C-alpha atoms as a PDB file:
ATOM      1  CA  UNK A   1       0.000   0.000   0.000  1.00  0.00           C
ATOM      2  CA  UNK A   2       1.417   3.366  -0.997  1.00  0.00           C
ATOM      3  CA  UNK A   3       2.042   6.000   1.598  1.00  0.00           C
ATOM      4  CA  UNK A   4      -0.279   8.829   0.586  1.00  0.00           C
ATOM      5  CA  UNK A   5      -0.257  10.576   3.985  1.00  0.00           C
ATOM      6  CA  UNK A   6      -4.018  10.317   4.237  1.00  0.00           C
ATOM      7  CA  UNK A   7      -5.394  12.188   7.232  1.00  0.00           C
ATOM      8  CA  UNK A   8      -8.892  12.180   8.722  1.00  0.00           C
ATOM      9  CA  UNK A   9     -10.339  15.648   9.229  1.00  0.00           C
ATOM     10  CA  UNK A  10     -12.473  16.895  12.123  1.00  0.00           C
ATOM     11  CA  UNK A  11     -15.449  16.723   9.747  1.00  0.00           C
ATOM     12  CA  UNK A  12     -14.782  13.029   9.035  1.00  0.00           C
ATOM     13  CA  UNK A  13     -14.463  12.227  12.727  1.00  0.00           C
ATOM     14  CA  UNK A  14     -17.584  14.214  13.645  1.00  0.00           C
ATOM     15  CA  UNK A  15     -19.528  12.305  11.002  1.00  0.00           C
ATOM     16  CA  UNK A  16     -18.450   9.002  12.594  1.00  0.00           C
ATOM     17  CA  UNK A  17     -19.372  10.272  16.062  1.00  0.00           C
ATOM     18  CA  UNK A  18     -22.851  11.419  15.018  1.00  0.00           C
ATOM     19  CA  UNK A  19     -23.511   8.147  13.214  1.00  0.00           C
ATOM     20  CA  UNK A  20     -22.720   6.137  16.360  1.00  0.00           C
ATOM     21  CA  UNK A  21     -26.143   7.121  17.722  1.00  0.00           C
ATOM     22  CA  UNK A  22     -27.562   4.689  15.135  1.00  0.00           C
ATOM     23  CA  UNK A  23     -25.546   1.689  16.320  1.00  0.00           C
ATOM     24  CA  UNK A  24     -28.768  -0.081  17.334  1.00  0.00           C
ATOM     25  CA  UNK A  25     -30.678   1.058  14.242  1.00  0.00           C
ATOM     26  CA  UNK A  26     -30.270  -2.276  12.429  1.00  0.00           C
ATOM     27  CA  UNK A  27     -29.685  -4.734  15.267  1.00  0.00           C
ATOM     28  CA  UNK A  28     -29.783  -8.427  14.347  1.00  0.00           C
ATOM     29  CA  UNK A  29     -29.206 -11.643  16.283  1.00  0.00           C
ATOM     30  CA  UNK A  30     -26.458 -12.913  13.986  1.00  0.00           C
ATOM     31  CA  UNK A  31     -23.974 -10.040  14.139  1.00  0.00           C
ATOM     32  CA  UNK A  32     -25.819  -7.771  16.579  1.00  0.00           C
ATOM     33  CA  UNK A  33     -24.585  -4.153  16.129  1.00  0.00           C
ATOM     34  CA  UNK A  34     -22.316  -4.863  13.149  1.00  0.00           C
ATOM     35  CA  UNK A  35     -24.467  -3.023  10.595  1.00  0.00           C
ATOM     36  CA  UNK A  36     -24.582   0.084  12.755  1.00  0.00           C
ATOM     37  CA  UNK A  37     -20.815  -0.096  13.307  1.00  0.00           C
ATOM     38  CA  UNK A  38     -20.198  -0.419   9.573  1.00  0.00           C
ATOM     39  CA  UNK A  39     -22.504   2.535   8.933  1.00  0.00           C
ATOM     40  CA  UNK A  40     -20.637   4.659  11.490  1.00  0.00           C
ATOM     41  CA  UNK A  41     -17.260   3.813   9.897  1.00  0.00           C
ATOM     42  CA  UNK A  42     -18.446   4.503   6.331  1.00  0.00           C
ATOM     43  CA  UNK A  43     -17.103   8.121   6.151  1.00  0.00           C
ATOM     44  CA  UNK A  44     -13.654   6.902   7.233  1.00  0.00           C
ATOM     45  CA  UNK A  45     -13.575   3.992   4.775  1.00  0.00           C
ATOM     46  CA  UNK A  46     -14.660   6.255   1.896  1.00  0.00           C
ATOM     47  CA  UNK A  47     -12.116   8.914   2.805  1.00  0.00           C
ATOM     48  CA  UNK A  48      -9.163   6.538   3.154  1.00  0.00           C
ATOM     49  CA  UNK A  49      -9.892   3.963   0.438  1.00  0.00           C
ATOM     50  CA  UNK A  50     -12.273   5.732  -1.949  1.00  0.00           C
ATOM     51  CA  UNK A  51      -9.719   5.598  -4.769  1.00  0.00           C
ATOM     52  CA  UNK A  52      -9.326   1.808  -4.607  1.00  0.00           C
ATOM     53  CA  UNK A  53     -12.422  -0.354  -5.065  1.00  0.00           C
ATOM     54  CA  UNK A  54     -10.794  -3.489  -3.616  1.00  0.00           C
ATOM     55  CA  UNK A  55      -9.612  -1.751  -0.463  1.00  0.00           C
ATOM     56  CA  UNK A  56     -12.975  -0.004  -0.175  1.00  0.00           C
ATOM     57  CA  UNK A  57     -14.820  -3.336  -0.241  1.00  0.00           C
ATOM     58  CA  UNK A  58     -12.408  -4.890   2.260  1.00  0.00           C
ATOM     59  CA  UNK A  59     -12.859  -1.902   4.573  1.00  0.00           C
ATOM     60  CA  UNK A  60     -16.648  -2.256   4.553  1.00  0.00           C
ATOM     61  CA  UNK A  61     -16.437  -6.007   5.159  1.00  0.00           C
ATOM     62  CA  UNK A  62     -13.954  -5.478   7.978  1.00  0.00           C
ATOM     63  CA  UNK A  63     -16.470  -3.489  10.006  1.00  0.00           C
ATOM     64  CA  UNK A  64     -19.423  -5.740   9.315  1.00  0.00           C
ATOM     65  CA  UNK A  65     -17.993  -8.422  11.599  1.00  0.00           C
ATOM     66  CA  UNK A  66     -19.804  -9.283  14.851  1.00  0.00           C
ATOM     67  CA  UNK A  67     -19.940  -6.374  17.268  1.00  0.00           C
ATOM     68  CA  UNK A  68     -21.827  -5.901  20.499  1.00  0.00           C
ATOM     69  CA  UNK A  69     -21.070  -3.378  23.236  1.00  0.00           C
ATOM     70  CA  UNK A  70     -22.774  -0.767  25.399  1.00  0.00           C
ATOM     71  CA  UNK A  71     -23.670   2.211  23.216  1.00  0.00           C
ATOM     72  CA  UNK A  72     -22.292   4.694  25.748  1.00  0.00           C
ATOM     73  CA  UNK A  73     -18.788   3.207  25.614  1.00  0.00           C
ATOM     74  CA  UNK A  74     -18.770   2.155  21.940  1.00  0.00           C
ATOM     75  CA  UNK A  75     -17.424   5.554  20.732  1.00  0.00           C
ATOM     76  CA  UNK A  76     -14.127   4.707  22.448  1.00  0.00           C
ATOM     77  CA  UNK A  77     -13.785   1.653  20.190  1.00  0.00           C
ATOM     78  CA  UNK A  78     -14.895   3.655  17.161  1.00  0.00           C
ATOM     79  CA  UNK A  79     -12.177   6.210  17.899  1.00  0.00           C
ATOM     80  CA  UNK A  80      -9.552   3.457  18.024  1.00  0.00           C
ATOM     81  CA  UNK A  81     -10.880   1.963  14.763  1.00  0.00           C
ATOM     82  CA  UNK A  82     -10.564   5.359  13.083  1.00  0.00           C
ATOM     83  CA  UNK A  83      -6.962   5.709  14.286  1.00  0.00           C
ATOM     84  CA  UNK A  84      -6.032   2.197  13.173  1.00  0.00           C
ATOM     85  CA  UNK A  85      -7.658   2.580   9.756  1.00  0.00           C
ATOM     86  CA  UNK A  86      -5.777   5.834   9.274  1.00  0.00           C
ATOM     87  CA  UNK A  87      -2.531   4.132  10.272  1.00  0.00           C
ATOM     88  CA  UNK A  88      -3.212   1.220   7.911  1.00  0.00           C
ATOM     89  CA  UNK A  89      -4.012   3.533   5.000  1.00  0.00           C
ATOM     90  CA  UNK A  90      -0.634   5.263   5.397  1.00  0.00           C
ATOM     91  CA  UNK A  91       1.505   2.178   5.981  1.00  0.00           C
ATOM     92  CA  UNK A  92       3.116  -0.345   3.704  1.00  0.00           C
ATOM     93  CA  UNK A  93       1.044  -3.520   3.600  1.00  0.00           C
ATOM     94  CA  UNK A  94       3.765  -5.616   5.259  1.00  0.00           C
ATOM     95  CA  UNK A  95       4.172  -3.008   8.026  1.00  0.00           C
ATOM     96  CA  UNK A  96       0.625  -3.285   9.380  1.00  0.00           C
ATOM     97  CA  UNK A  97      -1.350  -6.400  10.250  1.00  0.00           C
ATOM     98  CA  UNK A  98      -4.849  -5.454   9.109  1.00  0.00           C
ATOM     99  CA  UNK A  99      -6.473  -8.240  11.154  1.00  0.00           C
ATOM    100  CA  UNK A 100      -5.392  -6.368  14.306  1.00  0.00           C
ATOM    101  CA  UNK A 101      -8.168  -3.813  13.676  1.00  0.00           C
ATOM    102  CA  UNK A 102     -10.890  -6.373  14.354  1.00  0.00           C
ATOM    103  CA  UNK A 103      -8.776  -8.074  17.033  1.00  0.00           C
ATOM    104  CA  UNK A 104      -8.686  -4.850  19.031  1.00  0.00           C
ATOM    105  CA  UNK A 105     -12.443  -4.397  18.586  1.00  0.00           C
ATOM    106  CA  UNK A 106     -13.095  -7.922  19.836  1.00  0.00           C
ATOM    107  CA  UNK A 107     -10.759  -7.459  22.800  1.00  0.00           C
ATOM    108  CA  UNK A 108     -12.407  -4.209  23.902  1.00  0.00           C
ATOM    109  CA  UNK A 109     -16.057  -5.205  23.477  1.00  0.00           C
ATOM    110  CA  UNK A 110     -16.318  -7.250  26.684  1.00  0.00           C
ATOM    111  CA  UNK A 111     -14.602  -4.935  29.184  1.00  0.00           C
ATOM    112  CA  UNK A 112     -16.287  -1.798  27.844  1.00  0.00           C
ATOM    113  CA  UNK A 113     -19.681  -3.513  27.701  1.00  0.00           C
ATOM    114  CA  UNK A 114     -19.256  -4.379  31.377  1.00  0.00           C
ATOM    115  CA  UNK A 115     -18.359  -0.798  32.261  1.00  0.00           C
ATOM    116  CA  UNK A 116     -21.181   0.690  30.179  1.00  0.00           C
ATOM    117  CA  UNK A 117     -23.838  -1.669  31.507  1.00  0.00           C
ATOM    118  CA  UNK A 118     -22.656  -1.351  35.121  1.00  0.00           C
ATOM    119  CA  UNK A 119     -22.439   2.439  35.164  1.00  0.00           C
ATOM    120  CA  UNK A 120     -25.234   3.533  32.837  1.00  0.00           C
ATOM    121  CA  UNK A 121     -27.800   0.719  32.846  1.00  0.00           C
ATOM    122  CA  UNK A 122     -27.146  -0.473  36.385  1.00  0.00           C
ATOM    123  CA  UNK A 123     -26.155   2.720  38.205  1.00  0.00           C
ATOM    124  CA  UNK A 124     -26.852   6.155  36.711  1.00  0.00           C
ATOM    125  CA  UNK A 125     -30.128   5.146  35.038  1.00  0.00           C
ATOM    126  CA  UNK A 126     -31.391   3.373  38.155  1.00  0.00           C
ATOM    127  CA  UNK A 127     -30.396   6.260  40.427  1.00  0.00           C
ATOM    128  CA  UNK A 128     -32.003   8.748  38.024  1.00  0.00           C
ATOM    129  CA  UNK A 129     -35.247   6.762  37.917  1.00  0.00           C
ATOM    130  CA  UNK A 130     -35.201   6.151  41.673  1.00  0.00           C
ATOM    131  CA  UNK A 131     -34.950   9.867  42.393  1.00  0.00           C
ATOM    132  CA  UNK A 132     -36.902  11.230  39.440  1.00  0.00           C
ATOM    133  CA  UNK A 133     -39.846   8.789  39.292  1.00  0.00           C
ATOM    134  CA  UNK A 134     -41.364   9.629  42.717  1.00  0.00           C
ATOM    135  CA  UNK A 135     -41.157  13.355  41.859  1.00  0.00           C
ATOM    136  CA  UNK A 136     -42.667  12.770  38.418  1.00  0.00           C
ATOM    137  CA  UNK A 137     -45.539  10.762  39.941  1.00  0.00           C
ATOM    138  CA  UNK A 138     -46.303  13.776  42.123  1.00  0.00           C
ATOM    139  CA  UNK A 139     -46.378  15.989  39.016  1.00  0.00           C
ATOM    140  CA  UNK A 140     -43.062  17.742  39.647  1.00  0.00           C
ATOM    141  CA  UNK A 141     -41.023  18.852  36.626  1.00  0.00           C
ATOM    142  CA  UNK A 142     -37.921  18.058  38.695  1.00  0.00           C
ATOM    143  CA  UNK A 143     -38.562  14.349  38.037  1.00  0.00           C
ATOM    144  CA  UNK A 144     -37.614  14.263  34.328  1.00  0.00           C
ATOM    145  CA  UNK A 145     -35.029  17.028  34.822  1.00  0.00           C
ATOM    146  CA  UNK A 146     -33.161  15.102  37.520  1.00  0.00           C
ATOM    147  CA  UNK A 147     -33.327  11.939  35.421  1.00  0.00           C
ATOM    148  CA  UNK A 148     -31.803  13.861  32.504  1.00  0.00           C
ATOM    149  CA  UNK A 149     -29.049  15.337  34.651  1.00  0.00           C
ATOM    150  CA  UNK A 150     -28.126  12.052  36.352  1.00  0.00           C
ATOM    151  CA  UNK A 151     -28.418   9.690  33.374  1.00  0.00           C
ATOM    152  CA  UNK A 152     -28.244  11.418  29.996  1.00  0.00           C
ATOM    153  CA  UNK A 153     -25.521  14.001  30.686  1.00  0.00           C
ATOM    154  CA  UNK A 154     -22.937  11.529  32.125  1.00  0.00           C
ATOM    155  CA  UNK A 155     -23.599   9.227  29.169  1.00  0.00           C
ATOM    156  CA  UNK A 156     -23.060  12.012  26.644  1.00  0.00           C
ATOM    157  CA  UNK A 157     -19.829  13.107  28.322  1.00  0.00           C
ATOM    158  CA  UNK A 158     -18.459   9.552  28.261  1.00  0.00           C
ATOM    159  CA  UNK A 159     -19.444   9.168  24.592  1.00  0.00           C
ATOM    160  CA  UNK A 160     -17.765  12.401  23.487  1.00  0.00           C
ATOM    161  CA  UNK A 161     -14.559  12.192  25.505  1.00  0.00           C
ATOM    162  CA  UNK A 162     -14.346   8.430  24.986  1.00  0.00           C
ATOM    163  CA  UNK A 163     -14.328   8.948  21.224  1.00  0.00           C
ATOM    164  CA  UNK A 164     -11.629  11.619  21.465  1.00  0.00           C
ATOM    165  CA  UNK A 165      -9.479   9.520  23.812  1.00  0.00           C
ATOM    166  CA  UNK A 166      -9.937   6.465  21.617  1.00  0.00           C
ATOM    167  CA  UNK A 167      -8.774   8.298  18.503  1.00  0.00           C
ATOM    168  CA  UNK A 168      -5.863  10.109  20.154  1.00  0.00           C
ATOM    169  CA  UNK A 169      -4.727   7.566  22.737  1.00  0.00           C
ATOM    170  CA  UNK A 170      -5.621   4.280  21.092  1.00  0.00           C
ATOM    171  CA  UNK A 171      -5.717   1.006  22.938  1.00  0.00           C
ATOM    172  CA  UNK A 172      -2.835   1.952  25.279  1.00  0.00           C
ATOM    173  CA  UNK A 173      -5.237   3.749  27.638  1.00  0.00           C
ATOM    174  CA  UNK A 174      -7.414   0.712  28.306  1.00  0.00           C
ATOM    175  CA  UNK A 175      -4.393  -1.581  28.523  1.00  0.00           C
ATOM    176  CA  UNK A 176      -2.911   0.688  31.203  1.00  0.00           C
ATOM    177  CA  UNK A 177      -5.984   0.811  33.463  1.00  0.00           C
ATOM    178  CA  UNK A 178      -6.475  -2.942  32.983  1.00  0.00           C
ATOM    179  CA  UNK A 179      -2.912  -3.684  34.032  1.00  0.00           C
ATOM    180  CA  UNK A 180      -2.996  -1.623  37.239  1.00  0.00           C
ATOM    181  CA  UNK A 181      -6.403  -2.973  38.302  1.00  0.00           C
ATOM    182  CA  UNK A 182      -8.299   0.309  37.937  1.00  0.00           C
ATOM    183  CA  UNK A 183     -10.683  -1.144  35.356  1.00  0.00           C
ATOM    184  CA  UNK A 184     -11.714  -4.043  37.597  1.00  0.00           C
ATOM    185  CA  UNK A 185     -12.136  -1.783  40.626  1.00  0.00           C
ATOM    186  CA  UNK A 186     -14.340   0.657  38.708  1.00  0.00           C
ATOM    187  CA  UNK A 187     -16.518  -2.153  37.385  1.00  0.00           C
ATOM    188  CA  UNK A 188     -16.960  -3.785  40.792  1.00  0.00           C
ATOM    189  CA  UNK A 189     -17.720  -0.455  42.487  1.00  0.00           C
ATOM    190  CA  UNK A 190     -20.370   0.314  39.882  1.00  0.00           C
ATOM    191  CA  UNK A 191     -21.993  -3.103  40.377  1.00  0.00           C
ATOM    192  CA  UNK A 192     -22.161  -2.681  44.169  1.00  0.00           C
ATOM    193  CA  UNK A 193     -23.607   0.828  43.895  1.00  0.00           C
ATOM    194  CA  UNK A 194     -26.158  -0.340  41.347  1.00  0.00           C
ATOM    195  CA  UNK A 195     -27.326  -3.201  43.596  1.00  0.00           C
ATOM    196  CA  UNK A 196     -27.678  -0.861  46.581  1.00  0.00           C
ATOM    197  CA  UNK A 197     -29.821   1.521  44.526  1.00  0.00           C
ATOM    198  CA  UNK A 198     -31.960  -1.319  43.174  1.00  0.00           C
ATOM    199  CA  UNK A 199     -32.579  -2.536  46.732  1.00  0.00           C
ATOM    200  CA  UNK A 200     -33.716   0.918  47.793  1.00  0.00           C
ATOM    201  CA  UNK A 201     -35.875   1.193  44.682  1.00  0.00           C
ATOM    202  CA  UNK A 202     -37.667  -2.085  45.501  1.00  0.00           C
ATOM    203  CA  UNK A 203     -38.479  -0.879  49.031  1.00  0.00           C
ATOM    204  CA  UNK A 204     -39.755   2.513  47.877  1.00  0.00           C
ATOM    205  CA  UNK A 205     -41.530   1.735  44.586  1.00  0.00           C
ATOM    206  CA  UNK A 206     -42.939  -1.831  44.908  1.00  0.00           C
ATOM    207  CA  UNK A 207     -46.050  -1.643  47.099  1.00  0.00           C
ATOM    208  CA  UNK A 208     -47.983  -4.713  48.272  1.00  0.00           C
ATOM    209  CA  UNK A 209     -50.483  -4.340  51.095  1.00  0.00           C
ATOM    210  CA  UNK A 210     -52.448  -7.248  52.608  1.00  0.00           C
ATOM    211  CA  UNK A 211     -55.435  -5.848  54.579  1.00  0.00           C
ATOM    212  CA  UNK A 212     -56.665  -9.255  55.739  1.00  0.00           C
ATOM    213  CA  UNK A 213     -56.901 -10.070  59.445  1.00  0.00           C
ATOM    214  CA  UNK A 214     -56.939 -13.481  61.127  1.00  0.00           C
ATOM    215  CA  UNK A 215     -58.889 -14.285  64.309  1.00  0.00           C
ATOM    216  CA  UNK A 216     -57.032 -16.641  66.627  1.00  0.00           C
ATOM    217  CA  UNK A 217     -58.710 -17.313  69.998  1.00  0.00           C
ATOM    218  CA  UNK A 218     -60.713 -14.092  69.619  1.00  0.00           C
ATOM    219  CA  UNK A 219     -57.499 -12.186  68.971  1.00  0.00           C
ATOM    220  CA  UNK A 220     -57.394 -10.225  65.745  1.00  0.00           C
ATOM    221  CA  UNK A 221     -54.035 -10.457  63.971  1.00  0.00           C
ATOM    222  CA  UNK A 222     -53.307  -8.107  61.086  1.00  0.00           C
ATOM    223  CA  UNK A 223     -51.418 -10.011  58.364  1.00  0.00           C
ATOM    224  CA  UNK A 224     -49.563  -6.970  57.021  1.00  0.00           C
ATOM    225  CA  UNK A 225     -48.407  -5.847  60.456  1.00  0.00           C
ATOM    226  CA  UNK A 226     -47.225  -9.362  61.244  1.00  0.00           C
ATOM    227  CA  UNK A 227     -45.227  -9.566  58.012  1.00  0.00           C
ATOM    228  CA  UNK A 228     -43.688  -6.140  58.661  1.00  0.00           C
ATOM    229  CA  UNK A 229     -42.671  -7.225  62.140  1.00  0.00           C
ATOM    230  CA  UNK A 230     -40.832 -10.208  60.650  1.00  0.00           C
ATOM    231  CA  UNK A 231     -39.193  -8.178  57.868  1.00  0.00           C
ATOM    232  CA  UNK A 232     -40.380  -4.824  56.501  1.00  0.00           C
ATOM    233  CA  UNK A 233     -41.136  -4.894  52.756  1.00  0.00           C
ATOM    234  CA  UNK A 234     -40.893  -8.700  52.708  1.00  0.00           C
ATOM    235  CA  UNK A 235     -43.633  -9.205  50.089  1.00  0.00           C
ATOM    236  CA  UNK A 236     -42.206  -6.667  47.588  1.00  0.00           C
ATOM    237  CA  UNK A 237     -38.815  -8.372  47.930  1.00  0.00           C
ATOM    238  CA  UNK A 238     -40.298 -11.841  47.349  1.00  0.00           C
ATOM    239  CA  UNK A 239     -42.271 -10.660  44.325  1.00  0.00           C
ATOM    240  CA  UNK A 240     -39.148  -9.018  42.879  1.00  0.00           C
ATOM    241  CA  UNK A 241     -37.116 -12.208  43.378  1.00  0.00           C
ATOM    242  CA  UNK A 242     -39.951 -14.186  41.786  1.00  0.00           C
ATOM    243  CA  UNK A 243     -39.965 -11.954  38.704  1.00  0.00           C
ATOM    244  CA  UNK A 244     -36.178 -12.172  38.492  1.00  0.00           C
ATOM    245  CA  UNK A 245     -36.355 -15.967  38.660  1.00  0.00           C
ATOM    246  CA  UNK A 246     -38.906 -16.047  35.822  1.00  0.00           C
ATOM    247  CA  UNK A 247     -36.672 -13.803  33.716  1.00  0.00           C
ATOM    248  CA  UNK A 248     -33.797 -16.228  34.304  1.00  0.00           C
ATOM    249  CA  UNK A 249     -36.033 -19.001  32.982  1.00  0.00           C
ATOM    250  CA  UNK A 250     -36.485 -16.865  29.839  1.00  0.00           C
ATOM    251  CA  UNK A 251     -40.105 -15.988  30.568  1.00  0.00           C
ATOM    252  CA  UNK A 252     -41.036 -12.862  28.623  1.00  0.00           C
ATOM    253  CA  UNK A 253     -41.134  -9.649  30.657  1.00  0.00           C
ATOM    254  CA  UNK A 254     -44.421  -8.819  28.925  1.00  0.00           C
ATOM    255  CA  UNK A 255     -46.036 -12.026  30.217  1.00  0.00           C
ATOM    256  CA  UNK A 256     -44.701 -11.343  33.703  1.00  0.00           C
ATOM    257  CA  UNK A 257     -46.258  -7.866  33.596  1.00  0.00           C
ATOM    258  CA  UNK A 258     -49.628  -9.254  32.464  1.00  0.00           C
ATOM    259  CA  UNK A 259     -49.436 -11.905  35.196  1.00  0.00           C
ATOM    260  CA  UNK A 260     -48.834  -9.264  37.871  1.00  0.00           C
ATOM    261  CA  UNK A 261     -51.777  -7.202  36.610  1.00  0.00           C
ATOM    262  CA  UNK A 262     -54.099 -10.232  36.664  1.00  0.00           C
ATOM    263  CA  UNK A 263     -52.954 -11.300  40.141  1.00  0.00           C
ATOM    264  CA  UNK A 264     -53.393  -7.740  41.402  1.00  0.00           C
ATOM    265  CA  UNK A 265     -56.945  -7.486  40.071  1.00  0.00           C
ATOM    266  CA  UNK A 266     -57.929 -10.890  41.467  1.00  0.00           C
ATOM    267  CA  UNK A 267     -56.311 -10.080  44.826  1.00  0.00           C
ATOM    268  CA  UNK A 268     -58.233  -6.795  45.152  1.00  0.00           C
ATOM    269  CA  UNK A 269     -61.551  -8.405  44.127  1.00  0.00           C
ATOM    270  CA  UNK A 270     -61.094 -11.164  46.708  1.00  0.00           C
ATOM    271  CA  UNK A 271     -60.011  -8.687  49.381  1.00  0.00           C
ATOM    272  CA  UNK A 272     -56.550 -10.239  49.701  1.00  0.00           C
ATOM    273  CA  UNK A 273     -54.741  -7.147  48.450  1.00  0.00           C
ATOM    274  CA  UNK A 274     -55.430  -3.468  48.916  1.00  0.00           C
END
């Protein structure tokens, strides 16, 4: 490959960044986000290999391989792909192992998916909903605003700076924090925080009240008060664990929701629930 000193411009990179918002636009169960990734990399492939049909085709095929990662952390990988494609386009063929481009993508997918899911799906989003939902239910505009501030803004910052770091710093950044244990510590901390928030969310948002009373030797025993004396919020916890167990058995979340609605209606009609 001839050294033509091809350089990606800010316009090319911005086009890739904006296209990453469509990573899930053509999701499939064979290659998952591969079509979206290929679409995001299209401006780079055209810019670097547009004068060679064979290289252009190989570039498109290269980024249609299997890809699946959290969308919030995917721009970091896209940035690295841009840097590596640029390096490949300006190197002699024997000087650059082109298969390393997809090797790096495959190596980064897992760790970054774990970080993205732990922080944004399991932490920031849950915290945002936990704080914003009760306010929104009461009709306060602070509900959606707090959710936006605590979930959307951190995600956008990670997307933007992750893309810039990925393009400028390459894979050395992730290798460094993996080697010194920072990556593992961040992931574990995010998981613990997410579980704590989910526990608080169950206690505050899942409401099950049993108004029934049992007469034993002319003594009236309130079922709900008895359960609360054993363990407050015991029923909401058991119902949550039950739903989680059904999800593990691959029962559709839609069917679980319909089942809860039906059980709730029947329980109220029979006077078991309030």
